[in-house]
C-alpha atoms as a PDB file:
ATOM      1  CA  MET A   1     -30.297  34.557  -3.209  1.00  0.00           C
ATOM      2  CA  PHE A   2     -27.407  32.389  -4.382  1.00  0.00           C
ATOM      3  CA  ASP A   3     -24.260  34.336  -5.216  1.00  0.00           C
ATOM      4  CA  ASP A   4     -21.758  32.209  -7.136  1.00  0.00           C
ATOM      5  CA  ALA A   5     -19.073  34.880  -6.657  1.00  0.00           C
ATOM      6  CA  ARG A   6     -18.879  33.781  -3.027  1.00  0.00           C
ATOM      7  CA  LEU A   7     -17.559  30.392  -4.137  1.00  0.00           C
ATOM      8  CA  ASP A   8     -14.314  31.994  -5.361  1.00  0.00           C
ATOM      9  CA  ASP A   9     -14.057  34.658  -2.644  1.00  0.00           C
ATOM     10  CA  SER A  10     -11.013  33.844  -0.488  1.00  0.00           C
ATOM     11  CA  GLU A  11     -12.403  35.570   2.601  1.00  0.00           C
ATOM     12  CA  VAL A  12     -15.719  33.753   2.385  1.00  0.00           C
ATOM     13  CA  LEU A  13     -14.009  30.412   1.819  1.00  0.00           C
ATOM     14  CA  GLU A  14     -11.674  31.034   4.745  1.00  0.00           C
ATOM     15  CA  ALA A  15     -14.711  31.517   6.982  1.00  0.00           C
ATOM     16  CA  ALA A  16     -15.931  28.057   5.882  1.00  0.00           C
ATOM     17  CA  ASP A  17     -12.544  26.446   6.469  1.00  0.00           C
ATOM     18  CA  VAL A  18     -13.803  24.096   9.200  1.00  0.00           C
ATOM     19  CA  GLN A  19     -16.277  22.306   6.916  1.00  0.00           C
ATOM     20  CA  LEU A  20     -14.006  22.292   3.876  1.00  0.00           C
ATOM     21  CA  ARG A  21     -11.018  21.037   5.856  1.00  0.00           C
ATOM     22  CA  ASP A  22     -13.133  18.227   7.316  1.00  0.00           C
ATOM     23  CA  LEU A  23     -14.030  17.078   3.808  1.00  0.00           C
ATOM     24  CA  ALA A  24     -10.436  17.380   2.582  1.00  0.00           C
ATOM     25  CA  GLU A  25      -9.149  15.186   5.420  1.00  0.00           C
ATOM     26  CA  ALA A  26     -11.509  12.273   4.672  1.00  0.00           C
ATOM     27  CA  GLY A  27      -8.790  10.232   2.966  1.00  0.00           C
ATOM     28  CA  ALA A  28      -6.386  10.815   5.844  1.00  0.00           C
ATOM     29  CA  ARG A  29      -8.974   9.565   8.326  1.00  0.00           C
ATOM     30  CA  VAL A  30      -9.329   6.302   6.388  1.00  0.00           C
ATOM     31  CA  ARG A  31      -5.561   5.791   6.601  1.00  0.00           C
ATOM     32  CA  ILE A  32      -5.529   6.633  10.314  1.00  0.00           C
ATOM     33  CA  GLU A  33      -8.268   4.116  11.107  1.00  0.00           C
ATOM     34  CA  ALA A  34      -6.720   1.403   8.946  1.00  0.00           C
ATOM     35  CA  GLY A  35      -3.332   1.901  10.582  1.00  0.00           C
ATOM     36  CA  ALA A  36      -4.736   1.826  14.118  1.00  0.00           C
ATOM     37  CA  ALA A  37      -6.636  -1.410  13.471  1.00  0.00           C
ATOM     38  CA  ALA A  38      -3.833  -3.203  11.583  1.00  0.00           C
ATOM     39  CA  ASP A  39      -2.643  -5.359  14.494  1.00  0.00           C
ATOM     40  CA  THR A  40      -6.190  -6.364  15.452  1.00  0.00           C
ATOM     41  CA  LEU A  41      -6.983  -7.293  11.846  1.00  0.00           C
ATOM     42  CA  VAL A  42      -3.867  -9.454  11.503  1.00  0.00           C
ATOM     43  CA  ALA A  43      -4.889 -11.429  14.588  1.00  0.00           C
ATOM     44  CA  MET A  44      -8.322 -12.261  13.172  1.00  0.00           C
ATOM     45  CA  GLU A  45      -8.767 -15.730  11.716  1.00  0.00           C
ATOM     46  CA  HIS A  46     -11.524 -17.406   9.739  1.00  0.00           C
ATOM     47  CA  ASP A  47     -12.596 -20.372  11.843  1.00  0.00           C
ATOM     48  CA  SER A  48     -16.158 -21.134  10.742  1.00  0.00           C
ATOM     49  CA  GLU A  49     -19.023 -19.208   9.217  1.00  0.00           C
ATOM     50  CA  PRO A  50     -21.642 -17.844  11.602  1.00  0.00           C
ATOM     51  CA  ARG A  51     -25.264 -18.869  11.227  1.00  0.00           C
ATOM     52  CA  ALA A  52     -26.217 -15.219  10.585  1.00  0.00           C
ATOM     53  CA  ILE A  53     -24.828 -11.698  10.961  1.00  0.00           C
ATOM     54  CA  VAL A  54     -26.560  -8.882  12.813  1.00  0.00           C
ATOM     55  CA  ALA A  55     -25.275  -5.345  12.196  1.00  0.00           C
ATOM     56  CA  ALA A  56     -26.446  -3.333  15.197  1.00  0.00           C
ATOM     57  CA  GLY A  57     -26.398   0.404  15.843  1.00  0.00           C
ATOM     58  CA  PRO A  58     -27.488   3.506  13.903  1.00  0.00           C
ATOM     59  CA  ASP A  59     -25.040   2.933  11.015  1.00  0.00           C
ATOM     60  CA  ALA A  60     -26.031  -0.695  10.456  1.00  0.00           C
ATOM     61  CA  ARG A  61     -27.582   0.062   7.065  1.00  0.00           C
ATOM     62  CA  LEU A  62     -24.239   1.121   5.556  1.00  0.00           C
ATOM     63  CA  LEU A  63     -22.791  -2.308   6.285  1.00  0.00           C
ATOM     64  CA  ARG A  64     -25.925  -3.920   4.900  1.00  0.00           C
ATOM     65  CA  ALA A  65     -25.616  -1.971   1.658  1.00  0.00           C
ATOM     66  CA  VAL A  66     -22.128  -3.381   1.107  1.00  0.00           C
ATOM     67  CA  LEU A  67     -22.576  -6.890   2.471  1.00  0.00           C
ATOM     68  CA  GLU A  68     -26.036  -8.036   1.395  1.00  0.00           C
ATOM     69  CA  PRO A  69     -25.076  -8.787  -2.245  1.00  0.00           C
ATOM     70  CA  TRP A  70     -21.953 -10.644  -1.114  1.00  0.00           C
ATOM     71  CA  CYS A  71     -22.487 -12.192   2.326  1.00  0.00           C
ATOM     72  CA  PRO A  72     -22.719 -16.026   2.271  1.00  0.00           C
ATOM     73  CA  VAL A  73     -25.007 -16.130   5.347  1.00  0.00           C
ATOM     74  CA  PRO A  74     -28.233 -14.293   6.272  1.00  0.00           C
ATOM     75  CA  PHE A  75     -27.594 -10.645   7.156  1.00  0.00           C
ATOM     76  CA  VAL A  76     -29.803  -8.344   9.225  1.00  0.00           C
ATOM     77  CA  ALA A  77     -29.420  -4.612   9.887  1.00  0.00           C
ATOM     78  CA  TRP A  78     -30.753  -3.842  13.369  1.00  0.00           C
ATOM     79  CA  PRO A  79     -30.512  -0.078  14.077  1.00  0.00           C
ATOM     80  CA  GLY A  80     -32.777  -0.246  17.140  1.00  0.00           C
ATOM     81  CA  PRO A  81     -31.937  -1.196  20.737  1.00  0.00           C
ATOM     82  CA  SER A  82     -30.945  -4.678  21.915  1.00  0.00           C
ATOM     83  CA  LEU A  83     -30.891  -7.529  19.337  1.00  0.00           C
ATOM     84  CA  PRO A  84     -33.382  -9.736  17.487  1.00  0.00           C
ATOM     85  CA  GLY A  85     -34.833 -12.409  19.759  1.00  0.00           C
ATOM     86  CA  TRP A  86     -33.270 -15.247  17.747  1.00  0.00           C
ATOM     87  CA  ALA A  87     -29.660 -13.954  17.906  1.00  0.00           C
ATOM     88  CA  GLY A  88     -27.458 -16.297  19.908  1.00  0.00           C
ATOM     89  CA  ALA A  89     -24.144 -18.096  20.252  1.00  0.00           C
ATOM     90  CA  LEU A  90     -24.079 -19.201  16.598  1.00  0.00           C
ATOM     91  CA  ASP A  91     -24.355 -15.654  15.266  1.00  0.00           C
ATOM     92  CA  LEU A  92     -21.981 -12.745  14.661  1.00  0.00           C
ATOM     93  CA  VAL A  93     -22.861  -9.216  15.802  1.00  0.00           C
ATOM     94  CA  THR A  94     -21.093  -6.165  14.350  1.00  0.00           C
ATOM     95  CA  VAL A  95     -21.346  -2.651  15.766  1.00  0.00           C
ATOM     96  CA  LEU A  96     -20.058   0.658  14.404  1.00  0.00           C
ATOM     97  CA  ALA A  97     -19.698   3.173  17.224  1.00  0.00           C
ATOM     98  CA  PRO A  98     -16.932   5.593  16.147  1.00  0.00           C
ATOM     99  CA  GLY A  99     -18.136   8.290  18.533  1.00  0.00           C
ATOM    100  CA  GLY A 100     -18.473   5.930  21.480  1.00  0.00           C
ATOM    101  CA  GLY A 101     -22.068   4.989  20.775  1.00  0.00           C
ATOM    102  CA  ASP A 102     -25.320   5.806  22.553  1.00  0.00           C
ATOM    103  CA  GLN A 103     -27.522   3.927  24.999  1.00  0.00           C
ATOM    104  CA  GLN A 104     -29.209   1.894  22.254  1.00  0.00           C
ATOM    105  CA  THR A 105     -25.862   0.827  20.806  1.00  0.00           C
ATOM    106  CA  ALA A 106     -24.510  -0.019  24.255  1.00  0.00           C
ATOM    107  CA  SER A 107     -27.582  -2.154  24.953  1.00  0.00           C
ATOM    108  CA  ALA A 108     -27.030  -4.138  21.742  1.00  0.00           C
ATOM    109  CA  VAL A 109     -23.375  -4.762  22.649  1.00  0.00           C
ATOM    110  CA  ARG A 110     -24.277  -5.768  26.195  1.00  0.00           C
ATOM    111  CA  GLU A 111     -26.936  -8.167  24.925  1.00  0.00           C
ATOM    112  CA  ALA A 112     -24.534  -9.728  22.401  1.00  0.00           C
ATOM    113  CA  VAL A 113     -22.040 -10.510  25.164  1.00  0.00           C
ATOM    114  CA  ARG A 114     -24.774 -11.844  27.446  1.00  0.00           C
ATOM    115  CA  ARG A 115     -26.044 -14.234  24.771  1.00  0.00           C
ATOM    116  CA  GLY A 116     -22.572 -15.473  23.852  1.00  0.00           C
ATOM    117  CA  CYS A 117     -22.598 -14.059  20.305  1.00  0.00           C
ATOM    118  CA  ALA A 118     -19.357 -13.499  18.452  1.00  0.00           C
ATOM    119  CA  LEU A 119     -18.905  -9.715  18.503  1.00  0.00           C
ATOM    120  CA  VAL A 120     -16.826  -7.278  16.450  1.00  0.00           C
ATOM    121  CA  THR A 121     -17.089  -3.687  17.658  1.00  0.00           C
ATOM    122  CA  ALA A 122     -15.445  -0.581  16.225  1.00  0.00           C
ATOM    123  CA  CYS A 123     -15.319   2.005  18.995  1.00  0.00           C
ATOM    124  CA  PRO A 124     -12.905   4.068  21.113  1.00  0.00           C
ATOM    125  CA  LEU A 125     -11.033   1.897  23.598  1.00  0.00           C
ATOM    126  CA  HIS A 126     -12.057   4.129  26.499  1.00  0.00           C
ATOM    127  CA  SER A 127     -15.819   4.224  25.967  1.00  0.00           C
ATOM    128  CA  VAL A 128     -18.935   2.714  27.478  1.00  0.00           C
ATOM    129  CA  VAL A 129     -19.404   0.528  24.403  1.00  0.00           C
ATOM    130  CA  ALA A 130     -15.879  -0.869  24.778  1.00  0.00           C
ATOM    131  CA  GLU A 131     -16.565  -1.666  28.430  1.00  0.00           C
ATOM    132  CA  HIS A 132     -19.745  -3.546  27.526  1.00  0.00           C
ATOM    133  CA  ALA A 133     -17.929  -5.344  24.689  1.00  0.00           C
ATOM    134  CA  ALA A 134     -15.435  -7.058  26.969  1.00  0.00           C
ATOM    135  CA  GLY A 135     -15.962 -10.789  26.590  1.00  0.00           C
ATOM    136  CA  ARG A 136     -14.460 -14.092  25.497  1.00  0.00           C
ATOM    137  CA  TYR A 137     -15.841 -13.920  21.950  1.00  0.00           C
ATOM    138  CA  SER A 138     -15.408 -10.177  21.423  1.00  0.00           C
ATOM    139  CA  ARG A 139     -12.973  -8.254  19.265  1.00  0.00           C
ATOM    140  CA  ILE A 140     -12.601  -4.479  19.455  1.00  0.00           C
ATOM    141  CA  LEU A 141     -11.333  -2.399  16.526  1.00  0.00           C
ATOM    142  CA  PRO A 142      -9.964   0.760  18.214  1.00  0.00           C
ATOM    143  CA  THR A 143     -11.241   3.920  16.504  1.00  0.00           C
ATOM    144  CA  GLN A 144      -9.305   7.183  16.329  1.00  0.00           C
ATOM    145  CA  THR A 145     -11.911   9.423  14.674  1.00  0.00           C
ATOM    146  CA  SER A 146     -15.680   9.853  14.564  1.00  0.00           C
ATOM    147  CA  ASP A 147     -15.777   9.338  10.776  1.00  0.00           C
ATOM    148  CA  THR A 148     -18.343   6.618  10.084  1.00  0.00           C
ATOM    149  CA  LEU A 149     -17.069   5.987   6.544  1.00  0.00           C
ATOM    150  CA  ALA A 150     -13.459   5.479   7.673  1.00  0.00           C
ATOM    151  CA  VAL A 151     -14.529   3.163  10.504  1.00  0.00           C
ATOM    152  CA  ALA A 152     -16.826   1.219   8.163  1.00  0.00           C
ATOM    153  CA  VAL A 153     -13.876   0.527   5.856  1.00  0.00           C
ATOM    154  CA  VAL A 154     -11.967  -1.057   8.754  1.00  0.00           C
ATOM    155  CA  MET A 155     -15.012  -3.072   9.834  1.00  0.00           C
ATOM    156  CA  LEU A 156     -15.403  -4.418   6.298  1.00  0.00           C
ATOM    157  CA  GLN A 157     -11.741  -5.436   6.301  1.00  0.00           C
ATOM    158  CA  ALA A 158     -12.373  -7.318   9.551  1.00  0.00           C
ATOM    159  CA  LEU A 159     -15.384  -9.107   8.080  1.00  0.00           C
ATOM    160  CA  HIS A 160     -13.295 -10.077   5.057  1.00  0.00           C
ATOM    161  CA  ARG A 161     -10.727 -11.605   7.405  1.00  0.00           C
ATOM    162  CA  LEU A 162     -13.568 -13.617   8.963  1.00  0.00           C
ATOM    163  CA  GLY A 163     -14.661 -14.839   5.522  1.00  0.00           C
ATOM    164  CA  VAL A 164     -18.056 -13.098   5.408  1.00  0.00           C
ATOM    165  CA  GLY A 165     -17.294  -9.879   3.520  1.00  0.00           C
ATOM    166  CA  PRO A 166     -15.647  -8.607   0.336  1.00  0.00           C
ATOM    167  CA  ASP A 167     -12.039  -7.482   0.203  1.00  0.00           C
ATOM    168  CA  VAL A 168     -11.915  -3.713   0.781  1.00  0.00           C
ATOM    169  CA  ASP A 169      -8.719  -1.822  -0.008  1.00  0.00           C
ATOM    170  CA  ALA A 170      -8.413   1.066   2.455  1.00  0.00           C
ATOM    171  CA  ASP A 171      -5.633   2.671   0.396  1.00  0.00           C
ATOM    172  CA  GLU A 172      -7.864   2.721  -2.691  1.00  0.00           C
ATOM    173  CA  VAL A 173     -10.718   4.354  -0.783  1.00  0.00           C
ATOM    174  CA  ALA A 174      -8.327   6.928   0.681  1.00  0.00           C
ATOM    175  CA  ARG A 175      -6.880   7.702  -2.761  1.00  0.00           C
ATOM    176  CA  ARG A 176     -10.323   8.278  -4.254  1.00  0.00           C
ATOM    177  CA  LEU A 177     -11.208  10.617  -1.405  1.00  0.00           C
ATOM    178  CA  ASP A 178      -7.945  12.500  -1.962  1.00  0.00           C
ATOM    179  CA  GLU A 179      -8.805  12.832  -5.667  1.00  0.00           C
ATOM    180  CA  VAL A 180     -12.207  14.261  -4.772  1.00  0.00           C
ATOM    181  CA  ALA A 181     -10.578  16.714  -2.372  1.00  0.00           C
ATOM    182  CA  ILE A 182      -8.213  17.930  -5.105  1.00  0.00           C
ATOM    183  CA  ALA A 183     -10.952  18.261  -7.745  1.00  0.00           C
ATOM    184  CA  CYS A 184     -13.353  20.010  -5.353  1.00  0.00           C
ATOM    185  CA  SER A 185     -10.769  22.147  -3.559  1.00  0.00           C
ATOM    186  CA  PRO A 186     -11.847  25.696  -2.631  1.00  0.00           C
ATOM    187  CA  ASN A 187      -8.709  26.861  -4.457  1.00  0.00           C
ATOM    188  CA  THR A 188     -10.158  25.564  -7.753  1.00  0.00           C
ATOM    189  CA  ASP A 189     -12.372  28.106  -9.504  1.00  0.00           C
ATOM    190  CA  ILE A 190     -15.986  27.446 -10.350  1.00  0.00           C
ATOM    191  CA  ALA A 191     -15.237  26.798 -14.041  1.00  0.00           C
ATOM    192  CA  THR A 192     -13.291  23.614 -13.290  1.00  0.00           C
ATOM    193  CA  ASN A 193     -14.624  22.569  -9.883  1.00  0.00           C
ATOM    194  CA  PRO A 194     -17.383  19.917 -10.213  1.00  0.00           C
ATOM    195  CA  ALA A 195     -18.805  20.544  -6.732  1.00  0.00           C
ATOM    196  CA  LYS A 196     -19.017  24.317  -7.201  1.00  0.00           C
ATOM    197  CA  ASP A 197     -20.630  23.800 -10.607  1.00  0.00           C
ATOM    198  CA  LEU A 198     -23.145  21.391  -9.083  1.00  0.00           C
ATOM    199  CA  ALA A 199     -23.967  23.866  -6.323  1.00  0.00           C
ATOM    200  CA  SER A 200     -24.654  26.528  -8.934  1.00  0.00           C
ATOM    201  CA  SER A 201     -26.939  24.211 -10.917  1.00  0.00           C
ATOM    202  CA  LEU A 202     -28.995  23.409  -7.800  1.00  0.00           C
ATOM    203  CA  ALA A 203     -29.052  26.944  -6.429  1.00  0.00           C
ATOM    204  CA  GLU A 204     -32.555  27.739  -7.666  1.00  0.00           C
ATOM    205  CA  ALA A 205     -34.050  24.270  -7.222  1.00  0.00           C
ATOM    206  CA  LEU A 206     -35.213  21.805  -4.602  1.00  0.00           C
ATOM    207  CA  PRO A 207     -32.760  18.902  -4.949  1.00  0.00           C
ATOM    208  CA  MET A 208     -34.239  15.507  -5.797  1.00  0.00           C
ATOM    209  CA  VAL A 209     -31.359  13.025  -5.355  1.00  0.00           C
ATOM    210  CA  TRP A 210     -31.401   9.516  -6.819  1.00  0.00           C
ATOM    211  CA  GLY A 211     -28.961   6.608  -6.835  1.00  0.00           C
ATOM    212  CA  GLY A 212     -29.723   3.376  -8.654  1.00  0.00           C
ATOM    213  CA  SER A 213     -27.632   0.779  -6.845  1.00  0.00           C
ATOM    214  CA  VAL A 214     -27.961   0.013  -3.137  1.00  0.00           C
ATOM    215  CA  LEU A 215     -24.787   1.935  -2.302  1.00  0.00           C
ATOM    216  CA  ALA A 216     -25.598   4.850  -4.614  1.00  0.00           C
ATOM    217  CA  ALA A 217     -29.025   5.112  -2.971  1.00  0.00           C
ATOM    218  CA  ARG A 218     -27.320   5.181   0.416  1.00  0.00           C
ATOM    219  CA  ALA A 219     -25.026   7.958  -0.797  1.00  0.00           C
ATOM    220  CA  ALA A 220     -28.060   9.838  -2.162  1.00  0.00           C
ATOM    221  CA  ARG A 221     -29.703   9.870   1.263  1.00  0.00           C
ATOM    222  CA  ARG A 222     -26.529  11.167   2.888  1.00  0.00           C
ATOM    223  CA  VAL A 223     -26.069  13.873   0.225  1.00  0.00           C
ATOM    224  CA  ALA A 224     -29.680  15.042   0.597  1.00  0.00           C
ATOM    225  CA  GLU A 225     -29.183  15.150   4.368  1.00  0.00           C
ATOM    226  CA  ALA A 226     -26.043  17.254   3.913  1.00  0.00           C
ATOM    227  CA  MET A 227     -27.908  19.686   1.639  1.00  0.00           C
ATOM    228  CA  ARG A 228     -30.745  20.087   4.130  1.00  0.00           C
ATOM    229  CA  ARG A 229     -28.278  20.763   6.916  1.00  0.00           C
ATOM    230  CA  ALA A 230     -26.171  23.224   4.909  1.00  0.00           C
ATOM    231  CA  THR A 231     -29.028  25.264   3.436  1.00  0.00           C
ATOM    232  CA  GLY A 232     -32.083  24.789   5.630  1.00  0.00           C
ATOM    233  CA  ARG A 233     -33.995  23.952   2.454  1.00  0.00           C
ATOM    234  CA  PRO A 234     -35.860  20.745   1.631  1.00  0.00           C
ATOM    235  CA  ALA A 235     -33.934  18.064  -0.259  1.00  0.00           C
ATOM    236  CA  LEU A 236     -35.325  14.634  -1.049  1.00  0.00           C
ATOM    237  CA  ALA A 237     -33.583  11.326  -1.712  1.00  0.00           C
ATOM    238  CA  ALA A 238     -35.869   8.464  -2.711  1.00  0.00           C
ATOM    239  CA  ASP A 239     -36.547   5.640  -5.142  1.00  0.00           C
ATOM    240  CA  SER A 240     -37.538   6.539  -8.692  1.00  0.00           C
ATOM    241  CA  SER A 241     -41.152   5.545  -7.985  1.00  0.00           C
ATOM    242  CA  HIS A 242     -41.322   8.298  -5.349  1.00  0.00           C
ATOM    243  CA  LEU A 243     -39.409  10.929  -7.311  1.00  0.00           C
ATOM    244  CA  LEU A 244     -41.291  10.552 -10.605  1.00  0.00           C
ATOM    245  CA  PRO A 245     -44.598  11.961  -9.284  1.00  0.00           C
ATOM    246  CA  VAL A 246     -42.752  15.009  -7.948  1.00  0.00           C
ATOM    247  CA  LEU A 247     -41.072  15.600 -11.312  1.00  0.00           C
ATOM    248  CA  GLU A 248     -44.315  15.026 -13.228  1.00  0.00           C
ATOM    249  CA  ALA A 249     -46.194  17.501 -11.044  1.00  0.00           C
ATOM    250  CA  ALA A 250     -43.689  20.288 -11.654  1.00  0.00           C
ATOM    251  CA  ARG A 251     -45.065  23.153 -13.700  1.00  0.00           C
ATOM    252  CA  THR A 252     -43.245  24.038 -16.891  1.00  0.00           C
ATOM    253  CA  SER A 253     -41.076  27.045 -16.242  1.00  0.00           C
ATOM    254  CA  ASP A 254     -41.652  30.301 -18.109  1.00  0.00           C
ATOM    255  CA  VAL A 255     -38.351  31.372 -19.660  1.00  0.00           C
ATOM    256  CA  PHE A 256     -39.714  34.922 -20.006  1.00  0.00           C
ATOM    257  CA  ALA A 257     -40.771  35.243 -16.375  1.00  0.00           C
ATOM    258  CA  ASP A 258     -39.145  38.003 -14.325  1.00  0.00           C
ATOM    259  CA  PRO A 259     -38.330  36.588 -10.875  1.00  0.00           C
ATOM    260  CA  PHE A 260     -37.923  40.092  -9.456  1.00  0.00           C
ATOM    261  CA  ALA A 261     -41.495  40.950 -10.431  1.00  0.00           C
ATOM    262  CA  ASP A 262     -42.736  38.432  -7.892  1.00  0.00           C
ATOM    263  CA  GLU A 263     -43.150  39.679  -4.330  1.00  0.00           C
ATOM    264  CA  ASP A 264     -41.825  36.358  -3.056  1.00  0.00           C
ATOM    265  CA  PHE A 265     -38.734  36.145  -5.285  1.00  0.00           C
ATOM    266  CA  SER A 266     -36.485  35.875  -2.222  1.00  0.00           C
ATOM    267  CA  SER A 267     -38.261  32.819  -0.851  1.00  0.00           C
ATOM    268  CA  ALA A 268     -36.970  29.278  -1.255  1.00  0.00           C
ATOM    269  CA  PRO A 269     -37.328  27.784  -4.754  1.00  0.00           C
ATOM    270  CA  SER A 270     -40.355  25.643  -5.504  1.00  0.00           C
ATOM    271  CA  ARG A 271     -39.239  23.759  -8.618  1.00  0.00           C
ATOM    272  CA  PRO A 272     -37.268  20.511  -8.306  1.00  0.00           C
ATOM    273  CA  GLY A 273     -33.814  19.854  -9.677  1.00  0.00           C
ATOM    274  CA  LEU A 274     -32.763  16.272 -10.353  1.00  0.00           C
ATOM    275  CA  LEU A 275     -29.377  15.024  -9.143  1.00  0.00           C
ATOM    276  CA  ILE A 276     -28.347  11.526 -10.289  1.00  0.00           C
ATOM    277  CA  LEU A 277     -25.573   9.635  -8.522  1.00  0.00           C
ATOM    278  CA  ASP A 278     -24.093   7.210 -11.057  1.00  0.00           C
ATOM    279  CA  ASP A 279     -21.717   4.572  -9.686  1.00  0.00           C
ATOM    280  CA  GLY A 280     -21.435   2.687 -12.965  1.00  0.00           C
ATOM    281  CA  THR A 281     -24.094   0.072 -12.209  1.00  0.00           C
ATOM    282  CA  GLU A 282     -25.525  -1.091 -15.528  1.00  0.00           C
ATOM    283  CA  GLU A 283     -28.225  -3.499 -14.433  1.00  0.00           C
ATOM    284  CA  PRO A 284     -31.245  -3.281 -16.770  1.00  0.00           C
ATOM    285  CA  SER A 285     -33.585  -2.111 -14.010  1.00  0.00           C
ATOM    286  CA  VAL A 286     -31.178   0.667 -12.978  1.00  0.00           C
ATOM    287  CA  ARG A 287     -30.757   1.848 -16.580  1.00  0.00           C
ATOM    288  CA  GLU A 288     -34.530   1.852 -17.060  1.00  0.00           C
ATOM    289  CA  GLN A 289     -35.159   3.903 -13.906  1.00  0.00           C
ATOM    290  CA  ARG A 290     -32.391   6.359 -14.742  1.00  0.00           C
ATOM    291  CA  GLY A 291     -33.771   6.804 -18.248  1.00  0.00           C
ATOM    292  CA  ARG A 292     -37.314   7.429 -17.013  1.00  0.00           C
ATOM    293  CA  LEU A 293     -36.146  10.021 -14.498  1.00  0.00           C
ATOM    294  CA  ALA A 294     -33.991  11.859 -17.041  1.00  0.00           C
ATOM    295  CA  THR A 295     -36.736  11.791 -19.706  1.00  0.00           C
ATOM    296  CA  THR A 296     -39.408  13.023 -17.304  1.00  0.00           C
ATOM    297  CA  ALA A 297     -37.152  15.821 -16.075  1.00  0.00           C
ATOM    298  CA  GLU A 298     -36.436  16.921 -19.660  1.00  0.00           C
ATOM    299  CA  GLN A 299     -40.118  16.884 -20.575  1.00  0.00           C
ATOM    300  CA  HIS A 300     -40.940  19.183 -17.666  1.00  0.00           C
ATOM    301  CA  GLY A 301     -38.012  21.534 -18.142  1.00  0.00           C
ATOM    302  CA  ILE A 302     -36.227  20.327 -14.999  1.00  0.00           C
ATOM    303  CA  ARG A 303     -32.470  20.616 -14.921  1.00  0.00           C
ATOM    304  CA  THR A 304     -30.622  17.331 -14.422  1.00  0.00           C
ATOM    305  CA  SER A 305     -27.138  17.083 -12.924  1.00  0.00           C
ATOM    306  CA  THR A 306     -25.019  13.962 -12.523  1.00  0.00           C
ATOM    307  CA  ILE A 307     -22.183  12.895 -10.256  1.00  0.00           C
ATOM    308  CA  SER A 308     -20.535  10.006 -12.063  1.00  0.00           C
ATOM    309  CA  VAL A 309     -17.943   7.681 -10.512  1.00  0.00           C
ATOM    310  CA  THR A 310     -17.677   4.488 -12.536  1.00  0.00           C
ATOM    311  CA  GLU A 311     -14.204   3.108 -11.791  1.00  0.00           C
ATOM    312  CA  GLY A 312     -12.816   1.295  -8.780  1.00  0.00           C
ATOM    313  CA  SER A 313     -14.295  -0.912  -6.088  1.00  0.00           C
ATOM    314  CA  GLU A 314     -17.806  -0.446  -4.772  1.00  0.00           C
ATOM    315  CA  MET A 315     -16.664   1.159  -1.525  1.00  0.00           C
ATOM    316  CA  ALA A 316     -14.288   3.534  -3.329  1.00  0.00           C
ATOM    317  CA  ARG A 317     -17.059   4.620  -5.699  1.00  0.00           C
ATOM    318  CA  TYR A 318     -19.459   5.108  -2.798  1.00  0.00           C
ATOM    319  CA  ALA A 319     -16.923   7.247  -0.933  1.00  0.00           C
ATOM    320  CA  ALA A 320     -16.265   9.414  -4.006  1.00  0.00           C
ATOM    321  CA  LEU A 321     -19.978   9.929  -4.698  1.00  0.00           C
ATOM    322  CA  LEU A 322     -20.655  10.785  -1.080  1.00  0.00           C
ATOM    323  CA  ASN A 323     -17.863  13.293  -0.624  1.00  0.00           C
ATOM    324  CA  THR A 324     -18.453  15.006  -3.984  1.00  0.00           C
ATOM    325  CA  GLY A 325     -22.078  15.479  -2.962  1.00  0.00           C
ATOM    326  CA  ARG A 326     -21.063  16.730   0.474  1.00  0.00           C
ATOM    327  CA  TYR A 327     -18.689  19.246  -1.119  1.00  0.00           C
ATOM    328  CA  ALA A 328     -21.549  20.441  -3.350  1.00  0.00           C
ATOM    329  CA  ALA A 329     -23.800  20.805  -0.298  1.00  0.00           C
ATOM    330  CA  THR A 330     -21.150  22.883   1.466  1.00  0.00           C
ATOM    331  CA  TYR A 331     -20.685  25.173  -1.535  1.00  0.00           C
ATOM    332  CA  LEU A 332     -24.453  25.493  -1.877  1.00  0.00           C
ATOM    333  CA  GLY A 333     -24.621  26.726   1.707  1.00  0.00           C
ATOM    334  CA  ILE A 334     -21.711  29.117   1.109  1.00  0.00           C
ATOM    335  CA  GLY A 335     -23.336  30.545  -2.027  1.00  0.00           C
ATOM    336  CA  LEU A 336     -26.538  31.159  -0.099  1.00  0.00           C
ATOM    337  CA  GLY A 337     -24.633  33.003   2.613  1.00  0.00           C
ATOM    338  CA  ASP A 338     -24.772  30.168   5.101  1.00  0.00           C
ATOM    339  CA  GLY A 339     -21.102  29.227   5.108  1.00  0.00           C
ATOM    340  CA  ASP A 340     -21.210  28.275   8.753  1.00  0.00           C
ATOM    341  CA  GLY A 341     -23.722  25.492   8.128  1.00  0.00           C
ATOM    342  CA  GLN A 342     -22.584  21.982   8.999  1.00  0.00           C
ATOM    343  CA  THR A 343     -22.571  19.097   6.512  1.00  0.00           C
END
């Protein structure tokens, strides 16, 4: 059972210090990565546009979410091994490998060098990926942490320098993450802490997480993943077309029901709870989907919660949505007595 008193218990919160400290230091990690890559970024010049860009590695889809609406050339996310058969000397390959990468990532880097592709890799200098990346047309952004978000910010700055990506302000992203850390601090009580309040609202529900824009949808998947990891309970992030049937199938709750009269009252909840990640996108299709989800949830007595971040650049809004959701996932695990769960 969820105990919201645990969210303001200093001893309980101290036991979860590792997870909470990791979230609080997100802004600092962005600054560390940006500072370490500053000299490499300054040396980058925009010569000519590549024929296409291939983002390789397991975190390729994050770059795609940012770049696809902006990139002036075809862009492909390739999270599998090696590279597409057509990739060659006219193309640019980008790889995020903040933890040093795995065999699949290393194979993509090795193949890019073999084919003569232009290559930008973010990885530790002393790693297998860095060794494979050595080549005439390669640039390495040296990573200091394993934080994918922080490393992605630096990679986007590099792509902007090459003329194929938007301008991303690392200081702005770091500031927004600091603001989230202050608002969601364990030292802030549940009455004024948005993440603790969100955890309480989802305590007796199966989270259904939705984001309308491409980046908000990406954040939704990461938040749902964090909730599954922190609680061991199901949590789903999907398009509105997949969430609506789940909401419509939910039985109307009985406000007079006694949960303690049920033999299985201690089991995991079976009713959904809707969590909307709003990054300020006001496209007609996004508004229509958001309205349908909210209306359907209301009709079926399903509680709807919203994380709203509508100011700042796209990457700053994404970072704020993601970390607020991750804080909520951590507090959800703490309230359920699983404070040692990782997010």
